[in-house]
């Protein structure tokens, strides 16, 4: 039956665990949820922020985002809705400590 491919297991980027560990140390509370990797509760902002975690070496690759992620990110841009992409510990620190 043709149609969109569905995967029973979402492949996670290898840098996700250390970045989420750091985020928790900085007070963030993570919830995995599509279309991005998840949402992080940011105490200093008193709000949830959508986050996509990518390996640094995949930056600027044409296929780094799924079509659903591209649609969500485009919606965020059109509506000036903030979202974060984390590749390194510096990204997590920038977003959770400033």
PDB file of N, CA and C in Angstrom:
ATOM      1  N   UNK A   1       0.846  -1.178   0.000  1.00  0.00           N
ATOM      2  CA  UNK A   1       0.000   0.000   0.000  1.00  0.00           C
ATOM      3  C   UNK A   1       0.891   1.240   0.000  1.00  0.00           C
ATOM      4  N   UNK A   2       0.804   2.075  -1.039  1.00  0.00           N
ATOM      5  CA  UNK A   2       1.639   3.277  -1.086  1.00  0.00           C
ATOM      6  C   UNK A   2       1.177   4.307  -0.071  1.00  0.00           C
ATOM      7  N   UNK A   3       2.102   5.158   0.280  1.00  0.00           N
ATOM      8  CA  UNK A   3       1.796   6.218   1.233  1.00  0.00           C
ATOM      9  C   UNK A   3       3.047   6.600   1.981  1.00  0.00           C
ATOM     10  N   UNK A   4       2.920   7.496   2.946  1.00  0.00           N
ATOM     11  CA  UNK A   4       4.106   7.937   3.689  1.00  0.00           C
ATOM     12  C   UNK A   4       4.700   6.775   4.481  1.00  0.00           C
ATOM     13  N   UNK A   5       6.013   6.761   4.546  1.00  0.00           N
ATOM     14  CA  UNK A   5       6.684   5.745   5.331  1.00  0.00           C
ATOM     15  C   UNK A   5       6.523   6.081   6.805  1.00  0.00           C
ATOM     16  N   UNK A   6       6.300   5.060   7.587  1.00  0.00           N
ATOM     17  CA  UNK A   6       6.206   5.238   9.035  1.00  0.00           C
ATOM     18  C   UNK A   6       7.254   4.353   9.673  1.00  0.00           C
ATOM     19  N   UNK A   7       7.900   4.894  10.653  1.00  0.00           N
ATOM     20  CA  UNK A   7       8.938   4.161  11.349  1.00  0.00           C
ATOM     21  C   UNK A   7       8.496   3.954  12.787  1.00  0.00           C
ATOM     22  N   UNK A   8       8.692   2.757  13.289  1.00  0.00           N
ATOM     23  CA  UNK A   8       8.284   2.484  14.659  1.00  0.00           C
ATOM     24  C   UNK A   8       9.297   3.014  15.667  1.00  0.00           C
ATOM     25  N   UNK A   9      10.496   3.322  15.208  1.00  0.00           N
ATOM     26  CA  UNK A   9      11.525   3.802  16.120  1.00  0.00           C
ATOM     27  C   UNK A   9      12.136   5.068  15.537  1.00  0.00           C
ATOM     28  N   UNK A  10      12.057   6.139  16.304  1.00  0.00           N
ATOM     29  CA  UNK A  10      12.627   7.412  15.877  1.00  0.00           C
ATOM     30  C   UNK A  10      14.124   7.390  16.159  1.00  0.00           C
ATOM     31  N   UNK A  11      14.926   7.449  15.109  1.00  0.00           N
ATOM     32  CA  UNK A  11      16.375   7.466  15.313  1.00  0.00           C
ATOM     33  C   UNK A  11      16.778   8.782  15.945  1.00  0.00           C
ATOM     34  N   UNK A  12      17.544   8.688  17.002  1.00  0.00           N
ATOM     35  CA  UNK A  12      17.980   9.871  17.720  1.00  0.00           C
ATOM     36  C   UNK A  12      19.425  10.172  17.331  1.00  0.00           C
ATOM     37  N   UNK A  13      19.762  11.452  17.318  1.00  0.00           N
ATOM     38  CA  UNK A  13      21.136  11.841  17.036  1.00  0.00           C
ATOM     39  C   UNK A  13      22.026  11.444  18.210  1.00  0.00           C
ATOM     40  N   UNK A  14      23.258  11.084  17.896  1.00  0.00           N
ATOM     41  CA  UNK A  14      24.176  10.573  18.920  1.00  0.00           C
ATOM     42  C   UNK A  14      24.545  11.612  19.967  1.00  0.00           C
ATOM     43  N   UNK A  15      24.410  12.879  19.659  1.00  0.00           N
ATOM     44  CA  UNK A  15      24.745  13.918  20.629  1.00  0.00           C
ATOM     45  C   UNK A  15      23.564  14.298  21.517  1.00  0.00           C
ATOM     46  N   UNK A  16      22.424  13.663  21.319  1.00  0.00           N
ATOM     47  CA  UNK A  16      21.225  14.050  22.073  1.00  0.00           C
ATOM     48  C   UNK A  16      21.380  13.830  23.575  1.00  0.00           C
ATOM     49  N   UNK A  17      21.807  12.669  23.993  1.00  0.00           N
ATOM     50  CA  UNK A  17      21.877  12.375  25.428  1.00  0.00           C
ATOM     51  C   UNK A  17      22.758  13.355  26.204  1.00  0.00           C
ATOM     52  N   UNK A  18      23.989  13.639  25.746  1.00  0.00           N
ATOM     53  CA  UNK A  18      24.790  14.601  26.511  1.00  0.00           C
ATOM     54  C   UNK A  18      24.200  16.017  26.505  1.00  0.00           C
ATOM     55  N   UNK A  19      23.554  16.410  25.422  1.00  0.00           N
ATOM     56  CA  UNK A  19      22.951  17.745  25.386  1.00  0.00           C
ATOM     57  C   UNK A  19      21.764  17.831  26.332  1.00  0.00           C
ATOM     58  N   UNK A  20      20.968  16.770  26.401  1.00  0.00           N
ATOM     59  CA  UNK A  20      19.825  16.780  27.308  1.00  0.00           C
ATOM     60  C   UNK A  20      20.254  16.667  28.759  1.00  0.00           C
ATOM     61  N   UNK A  21      21.346  15.974  29.012  1.00  0.00           N
ATOM     62  CA  UNK A  21      21.895  15.908  30.370  1.00  0.00           C
ATOM     63  C   UNK A  21      22.312  17.303  30.821  1.00  0.00           C
ATOM     64  N   UNK A  22      22.999  18.027  29.948  1.00  0.00           N
ATOM     65  CA  UNK A  22      23.399  19.394  30.262  1.00  0.00           C
ATOM     66  C   UNK A  22      22.172  20.282  30.468  1.00  0.00           C
ATOM     67  N   UNK A  23      21.182  20.131  29.600  1.00  0.00           N
ATOM     68  CA  UNK A  23      19.964  20.942  29.731  1.00  0.00           C
ATOM     69  C   UNK A  23      19.296  20.716  31.086  1.00  0.00           C
ATOM     70  N   UNK A  24      19.256  19.472  31.533  1.00  0.00           N
ATOM     71  CA  UNK A  24      18.671  19.168  32.845  1.00  0.00           C
ATOM     72  C   UNK A  24      19.490  19.806  33.962  1.00  0.00           C
ATOM     73  N   UNK A  25      20.809  19.790  33.822  1.00  0.00           N
ATOM     74  CA  UNK A  25      21.676  20.412  34.829  1.00  0.00           C
ATOM     75  C   UNK A  25      21.442  21.921  34.909  1.00  0.00           C
ATOM     76  N   UNK A  26      21.014  22.497  33.790  1.00  0.00           N
ATOM     77  CA  UNK A  26      20.752  23.939  33.741  1.00  0.00           C
ATOM     78  C   UNK A  26      19.294  24.273  34.079  1.00  0.00           C
ATOM     79  N   UNK A  27      18.533  23.272  34.509  1.00  0.00           N
ATOM     80  CA  UNK A  27      17.165  23.519  34.955  1.00  0.00           C
ATOM     81  C   UNK A  27      16.077  23.218  33.951  1.00  0.00           C
ATOM     82  N   UNK A  28      16.438  22.764  32.754  1.00  0.00           N
ATOM     83  CA  UNK A  28      15.438  22.455  31.742  1.00  0.00           C
ATOM     84  C   UNK A  28      14.739  21.133  32.023  1.00  0.00           C
ATOM     85  N   UNK A  29      13.526  21.035  31.576  1.00  0.00           N
ATOM     86  CA  UNK A  29      12.741  19.806  31.714  1.00  0.00           C
ATOM     87  C   UNK A  29      12.313  19.382  30.311  1.00  0.00           C
ATOM     88  N   UNK A  30      12.785  18.236  29.849  1.00  0.00           N
ATOM     89  CA  UNK A  30      12.611  17.785  28.471  1.00  0.00           C
ATOM     90  C   UNK A  30      11.404  16.877  28.311  1.00  0.00           C
ATOM     91  N   UNK A  31      10.672  17.071  27.214  1.00  0.00           N
ATOM     92  CA  UNK A  31       9.589  16.183  26.809  1.00  0.00           C
ATOM     93  C   UNK A  31       9.740  15.913  25.323  1.00  0.00           C
ATOM     94  N   UNK A  32       9.910  14.658  24.974  1.00  0.00           N
ATOM     95  CA  UNK A  32      10.031  14.270  23.574  1.00  0.00           C
ATOM     96  C   UNK A  32       8.668  14.394  22.909  1.00  0.00           C
ATOM     97  N   UNK A  33       8.621  15.086  21.762  1.00  0.00           N
ATOM     98  CA  UNK A  33       7.362  15.270  21.056  1.00  0.00           C
ATOM     99  C   UNK A  33       7.626  15.740  19.636  1.00  0.00           C
ATOM    100  N   UNK A  34       6.961  15.142  18.666  1.00  0.00           N
ATOM    101  CA  UNK A  34       7.118  15.572  17.279  1.00  0.00           C
ATOM    102  C   UNK A  34       6.425  16.915  17.039  1.00  0.00           C
ATOM    103  N   UNK A  35       6.720  17.616  15.970  1.00  0.00           N
ATOM    104  CA  UNK A  35       7.504  17.156  14.840  1.00  0.00           C
ATOM    105  C   UNK A  35       9.015  17.315  15.033  1.00  0.00           C
ATOM    106  N   UNK A  36       9.434  18.167  15.979  1.00  0.00           N
ATOM    107  CA  UNK A  36      10.863  18.267  16.259  1.00  0.00           C
ATOM    108  C   UNK A  36      11.196  17.185  17.282  1.00  0.00           C
ATOM    109  N   UNK A  37      12.408  17.219  17.823  1.00  0.00           N
ATOM    110  CA  UNK A  37      12.774  16.183  18.788  1.00  0.00           C
ATOM    111  C   UNK A  37      11.988  16.305  20.081  1.00  0.00           C
ATOM    112  N   UNK A  38      11.658  17.531  20.472  1.00  0.00           N
ATOM    113  CA  UNK A  38      10.896  17.685  21.704  1.00  0.00           C
ATOM    114  C   UNK A  38      10.734  19.133  22.104  1.00  0.00           C
ATOM    115  N   UNK A  39      10.300  19.298  23.347  1.00  0.00           N
ATOM    116  CA  UNK A  39      10.083  20.610  23.939  1.00  0.00           C
ATOM    117  C   UNK A  39      10.835  20.656  25.255  1.00  0.00           C
ATOM    118  N   UNK A  40      11.407  21.819  25.558  1.00  0.00           N
ATOM    119  CA  UNK A  40      12.139  22.013  26.803  1.00  0.00           C
ATOM    120  C   UNK A  40      11.451  23.108  27.607  1.00  0.00           C
ATOM    121  N   UNK A  41      11.198  22.817  28.892  1.00  0.00           N
ATOM    122  CA  UNK A  41      10.678  23.850  29.787  1.00  0.00           C
ATOM    123  C   UNK A  41      11.851  24.705  30.221  1.00  0.00           C
ATOM    124  N   UNK A  42      11.738  26.012  30.019  1.00  0.00           N
ATOM    125  CA  UNK A  42      12.806  26.948  30.341  1.00  0.00           C
ATOM    126  C   UNK A  42      12.337  27.807  31.513  1.00  0.00           C
ATOM    127  N   UNK A  43      12.836  27.517  32.722  1.00  0.00           N
ATOM    128  CA  UNK A  43      12.361  28.254  33.901  1.00  0.00           C
ATOM    129  C   UNK A  43      12.512  29.768  33.791  1.00  0.00           C
ATOM    130  N   UNK A  44      13.639  30.251  33.249  1.00  0.00           N
ATOM    131  CA  UNK A  44      13.851  31.699  33.206  1.00  0.00           C
ATOM    132  C   UNK A  44      12.856  32.401  32.291  1.00  0.00           C
ATOM    133  N   UNK A  45      12.305  31.677  31.325  1.00  0.00           N
ATOM    134  CA  UNK A  45      11.298  32.234  30.420  1.00  0.00           C
ATOM    135  C   UNK A  45       9.880  31.857  30.837  1.00  0.00           C
ATOM    136  N   UNK A  46       9.769  30.884  31.728  1.00  0.00           N
ATOM    137  CA  UNK A  46       8.477  30.332  32.146  1.00  0.00           C
ATOM    138  C   UNK A  46       7.648  29.910  30.937  1.00  0.00           C
ATOM    139  N   UNK A  47       8.302  29.146  30.042  1.00  0.00           N
ATOM    140  CA  UNK A  47       7.612  28.670  28.840  1.00  0.00           C
ATOM    141  C   UNK A  47       8.307  27.452  28.265  1.00  0.00           C
ATOM    142  N   UNK A  48       7.577  26.754  27.425  1.00  0.00           N
ATOM    143  CA  UNK A  48       8.104  25.615  26.683  1.00  0.00           C
ATOM    144  C   UNK A  48       8.645  26.107  25.347  1.00  0.00           C
ATOM    145  N   UNK A  49       9.772  25.542  24.922  1.00  0.00           N
ATOM    146  CA  UNK A  49      10.366  25.899  23.626  1.00  0.00           C
ATOM    147  C   UNK A  49      10.562  24.626  22.806  1.00  0.00           C
ATOM    148  N   UNK A  50      10.195  24.653  21.524  1.00  0.00           N
ATOM    149  CA  UNK A  50      10.461  23.494  20.678  1.00  0.00           C
ATOM    150  C   UNK A  50      11.945  23.435  20.322  1.00  0.00           C
ATOM    151  N   UNK A  51      12.486  22.209  20.305  1.00  0.00           N
ATOM    152  CA  UNK A  51      13.918  22.025  20.070  1.00  0.00           C
ATOM    153  C   UNK A  51      14.139  20.876  19.095  1.00  0.00           C
ATOM    154  N   UNK A  52      15.023  21.086  18.168  1.00  0.00           N
ATOM    155  CA  UNK A  52      15.515  20.023  17.283  1.00  0.00           C
ATOM    156  C   UNK A  52      16.992  19.842  17.590  1.00  0.00           C
ATOM    157  N   UNK A  53      17.401  18.605  17.764  1.00  0.00           N
ATOM    158  CA  UNK A  53      18.803  18.302  18.043  1.00  0.00           C
ATOM    159  C   UNK A  53      19.409  17.666  16.803  1.00  0.00           C
ATOM    160  N   UNK A  54      20.503  18.246  16.350  1.00  0.00           N
ATOM    161  CA  UNK A  54      21.193  17.773  15.148  1.00  0.00           C
ATOM    162  C   UNK A  54      22.678  17.608  15.435  1.00  0.00           C
ATOM    163  N   UNK A  55      23.281  16.673  14.754  1.00  0.00           N
ATOM    164  CA  UNK A  55      24.733  16.524  14.849  1.00  0.00           C
ATOM    165  C   UNK A  55      25.388  17.693  14.111  1.00  0.00           C
ATOM    166  N   UNK A  56      26.460  18.253  14.682  1.00  0.00           N
ATOM    167  CA  UNK A  56      27.096  19.433  14.073  1.00  0.00           C
ATOM    168  C   UNK A  56      27.549  19.206  12.638  1.00  0.00           C
ATOM    169  N   UNK A  57      28.019  18.018  12.329  1.00  0.00           N
ATOM    170  CA  UNK A  57      28.542  17.765  10.980  1.00  0.00           C
ATOM    171  C   UNK A  57      27.442  17.708   9.920  1.00  0.00           C
ATOM    172  N   UNK A  58      26.183  17.676  10.324  1.00  0.00           N
ATOM    173  CA  UNK A  58      25.089  17.627   9.339  1.00  0.00           C
ATOM    174  C   UNK A  58      24.520  19.010   9.031  1.00  0.00           C
ATOM    175  N   UNK A  59      25.088  20.042   9.622  1.00  0.00           N
ATOM    176  CA  UNK A  59      24.592  21.394   9.366  1.00  0.00           C
ATOM    177  C   UNK A  59      24.679  21.715   7.882  1.00  0.00           C
ATOM    178  N   UNK A  60      23.612  22.309   7.390  1.00  0.00           N
ATOM    179  CA  UNK A  60      23.466  22.717   5.994  1.00  0.00           C
ATOM    180  C   UNK A  60      23.273  21.542   5.031  1.00  0.00           C
ATOM    181  N   UNK A  61      23.049  20.342   5.526  1.00  0.00           N
ATOM    182  CA  UNK A  61      22.720  19.223   4.639  1.00  0.00           C
ATOM    183  C   UNK A  61      21.268  19.375   4.209  1.00  0.00           C
ATOM    184  N   UNK A  62      21.016  19.160   2.939  1.00  0.00           N
ATOM    185  CA  UNK A  62      19.674  19.352   2.407  1.00  0.00           C
ATOM    186  C   UNK A  62      18.650  18.419   3.056  1.00  0.00           C
ATOM    187  N   UNK A  63      19.082  17.251   3.474  1.00  0.00           N
ATOM    188  CA  UNK A  63      18.140  16.268   4.014  1.00  0.00           C
ATOM    189  C   UNK A  63      18.149  16.208   5.541  1.00  0.00           C
ATOM    190  N   UNK A  64      18.607  17.248   6.204  1.00  0.00           N
ATOM    191  CA  UNK A  64      18.712  17.173   7.661  1.00  0.00           C
ATOM    192  C   UNK A  64      17.357  17.245   8.362  1.00  0.00           C
ATOM    193  N   UNK A  65      16.329  17.772   7.710  1.00  0.00           N
ATOM    194  CA  UNK A  65      15.003  17.863   8.301  1.00  0.00           C
ATOM    195  C   UNK A  65      14.000  17.042   7.492  1.00  0.00           C
ATOM    196  N   UNK A  66      13.052  16.420   8.193  1.00  0.00           N
ATOM    197  CA  UNK A  66      11.983  15.696   7.511  1.00  0.00           C
ATOM    198  C   UNK A  66      11.012  16.713   6.910  1.00  0.00           C
ATOM    199  N   UNK A  67      10.173  16.292   5.981  1.00  0.00           N
ATOM    200  CA  UNK A  67       9.171  17.224   5.434  1.00  0.00           C
ATOM    201  C   UNK A  67       8.275  17.819   6.519  1.00  0.00           C
ATOM    202  N   UNK A  68       7.889  17.029   7.516  1.00  0.00           N
ATOM    203  CA  UNK A  68       7.045  17.551   8.595  1.00  0.00           C
ATOM    204  C   UNK A  68       7.799  18.598   9.411  1.00  0.00           C
ATOM    205  N   UNK A  69       9.081  18.352   9.655  1.00  0.00           N
ATOM    206  CA  UNK A  69       9.888  19.335  10.383  1.00  0.00           C
ATOM    207  C   UNK A  69      10.043  20.607   9.565  1.00  0.00           C
ATOM    208  N   UNK A  70      10.277  20.475   8.274  1.00  0.00           N
ATOM    209  CA  UNK A  70      10.400  21.651   7.406  1.00  0.00           C
ATOM    210  C   UNK A  70       9.123  22.480   7.441  1.00  0.00           C
ATOM    211  N   UNK A  71       7.983  21.818   7.421  1.00  0.00           N
ATOM    212  CA  UNK A  71       6.700  22.517   7.465  1.00  0.00           C
ATOM    213  C   UNK A  71       6.543  23.256   8.801  1.00  0.00           C
ATOM    214  N   UNK A  72       6.886  22.593   9.902  1.00  0.00           N
ATOM    215  CA  UNK A  72       6.784  23.223  11.214  1.00  0.00           C
ATOM    216  C   UNK A  72       7.725  24.418  11.330  1.00  0.00           C
ATOM    217  N   UNK A  73       8.969  24.254  10.881  1.00  0.00           N
ATOM    218  CA  UNK A  73       9.944  25.347  10.955  1.00  0.00           C
ATOM    219  C   UNK A  73       9.528  26.524  10.078  1.00  0.00           C
ATOM    220  N   UNK A  74       8.944  26.243   8.931  1.00  0.00           N
ATOM    221  CA  UNK A  74       8.451  27.316   8.054  1.00  0.00           C
ATOM    222  C   UNK A  74       7.307  28.062   8.744  1.00  0.00           C
ATOM    223  N   UNK A  75       6.416  27.317   9.417  1.00  0.00           N
ATOM    224  CA  UNK A  75       5.327  27.948  10.158  1.00  0.00           C
ATOM    225  C   UNK A  75       5.905  28.851  11.252  1.00  0.00           C
ATOM    226  N   UNK A  76       6.919  28.349  11.969  1.00  0.00           N
ATOM    227  CA  UNK A  76       7.556  29.155  13.015  1.00  0.00           C
ATOM    228  C   UNK A  76       8.115  30.451  12.436  1.00  0.00           C
ATOM    229  N   UNK A  77       8.784  30.359  11.307  1.00  0.00           N
ATOM    230  CA  UNK A  77       9.357  31.557  10.673  1.00  0.00           C
ATOM    231  C   UNK A  77       8.260  32.551  10.268  1.00  0.00           C
ATOM    232  N   UNK A  78       7.211  32.051   9.634  1.00  0.00           N
ATOM    233  CA  UNK A  78       6.120  32.935   9.195  1.00  0.00           C
ATOM    234  C   UNK A  78       5.436  33.629  10.362  1.00  0.00           C
ATOM    235  N   UNK A  79       5.341  32.945  11.479  1.00  0.00           N
ATOM    236  CA  UNK A  79       4.608  33.459  12.633  1.00  0.00           C
ATOM    237  C   UNK A  79       5.506  34.001  13.741  1.00  0.00           C
ATOM    238  N   UNK A  80       6.784  34.134  13.429  1.00  0.00           N
ATOM    239  CA  UNK A  80       7.761  34.658  14.391  1.00  0.00           C
ATOM    240  C   UNK A  80       7.734  33.871  15.702  1.00  0.00           C
ATOM    241  N   UNK A  81       7.531  32.568  15.583  1.00  0.00           N
ATOM    242  CA  UNK A  81       7.505  31.689  16.753  1.00  0.00           C
ATOM    243  C   UNK A  81       8.920  31.160  17.003  1.00  0.00           C
ATOM    244  N   UNK A  82       9.452  31.359  18.177  1.00  0.00           N
ATOM    245  CA  UNK A  82      10.821  30.911  18.443  1.00  0.00           C
ATOM    246  C   UNK A  82      10.934  29.395  18.485  1.00  0.00           C
ATOM    247  N   UNK A  83      12.079  28.926  18.094  1.00  0.00           N
ATOM    248  CA  UNK A  83      12.431  27.510  18.163  1.00  0.00           C
ATOM    249  C   UNK A  83      13.947  27.433  18.219  1.00  0.00           C
ATOM    250  N   UNK A  84      14.442  26.353  18.757  1.00  0.00           N
ATOM    251  CA  UNK A  84      15.888  26.218  18.897  1.00  0.00           C
ATOM    252  C   UNK A  84      16.376  24.972  18.181  1.00  0.00           C
ATOM    253  N   UNK A  85      17.586  25.071  17.631  1.00  0.00           N
ATOM    254  CA  UNK A  85      18.305  23.911  17.102  1.00  0.00           C
ATOM    255  C   UNK A  85      19.581  23.797  17.917  1.00  0.00           C
ATOM    256  N   UNK A  86      19.759  22.644  18.535  1.00  0.00           N
ATOM    257  CA  UNK A  86      20.946  22.396  19.342  1.00  0.00           C
ATOM    258  C   UNK A  86      21.854  21.423  18.626  1.00  0.00           C
ATOM    259  N   UNK A  87      23.106  21.805  18.481  1.00  0.00           N
ATOM    260  CA  UNK A  87      24.127  20.938  17.898  1.00  0.00           C
ATOM    261  C   UNK A  87      25.261  20.670  18.878  1.00  0.00           C
ATOM    262  N   UNK A  88      25.527  21.642  19.729  1.00  0.00           N
ATOM    263  CA  UNK A  88      26.660  21.547  20.648  1.00  0.00           C
ATOM    264  C   UNK A  88      26.246  21.998  22.044  1.00  0.00           C
ATOM    265  N   UNK A  89      27.105  21.731  23.020  1.00  0.00           N
ATOM    266  CA  UNK A  89      26.851  22.194  24.382  1.00  0.00           C
ATOM    267  C   UNK A  89      26.749  23.716  24.429  1.00  0.00           C
ATOM    268  N   UNK A  90      27.493  24.403  23.586  1.00  0.00           N
ATOM    269  CA  UNK A  90      27.428  25.870  23.551  1.00  0.00           C
ATOM    270  C   UNK A  90      26.021  26.348  23.192  1.00  0.00           C
ATOM    271  N   UNK A  91      25.324  25.615  22.319  1.00  0.00           N
ATOM    272  CA  UNK A  91      23.945  25.983  21.961  1.00  0.00           C
ATOM    273  C   UNK A  91      23.028  25.874  23.174  1.00  0.00           C
ATOM    274  N   UNK A  92      23.175  24.793  23.932  1.00  0.00           N
ATOM    275  CA  UNK A  92      22.333  24.581  25.118  1.00  0.00           C
ATOM    276  C   UNK A  92      22.590  25.678  26.146  1.00  0.00           C
ATOM    277  N   UNK A  93      23.854  25.970  26.386  1.00  0.00           N
ATOM    278  CA  UNK A  93      24.223  27.010  27.348  1.00  0.00           C
ATOM    279  C   UNK A  93      23.692  28.364  26.880  1.00  0.00           C
ATOM    280  N   UNK A  94      23.851  28.676  25.623  1.00  0.00           N
ATOM    281  CA  UNK A  94      23.347  29.952  25.071  1.00  0.00           C
ATOM    282  C   UNK A  94      21.851  30.111  25.336  1.00  0.00           C
ATOM    283  N   UNK A  95      21.093  29.054  25.089  1.00  0.00           N
ATOM    284  CA  UNK A  95      19.639  29.169  25.183  1.00  0.00           C
ATOM    285  C   UNK A  95      19.113  29.069  26.609  1.00  0.00           C
ATOM    286  N   UNK A  96      19.757  28.297  27.453  1.00  0.00           N
ATOM    287  CA  UNK A  96      19.221  28.102  28.793  1.00  0.00           C
ATOM    288  C   UNK A  96      19.828  29.021  29.853  1.00  0.00           C
ATOM    289  N   UNK A  97      20.958  29.648  29.571  1.00  0.00           N
ATOM    290  CA  UNK A  97      21.581  30.499  30.578  1.00  0.00           C
ATOM    291  C   UNK A  97      21.448  31.993  30.301  1.00  0.00           C
ATOM    292  N   UNK A  98      21.099  32.381  29.101  1.00  0.00           N
ATOM    293  CA  UNK A  98      21.034  33.822  28.826  1.00  0.00           C
ATOM    294  C   UNK A  98      19.679  34.401  29.117  1.00  0.00           C
TER     295      UNK A  98
END
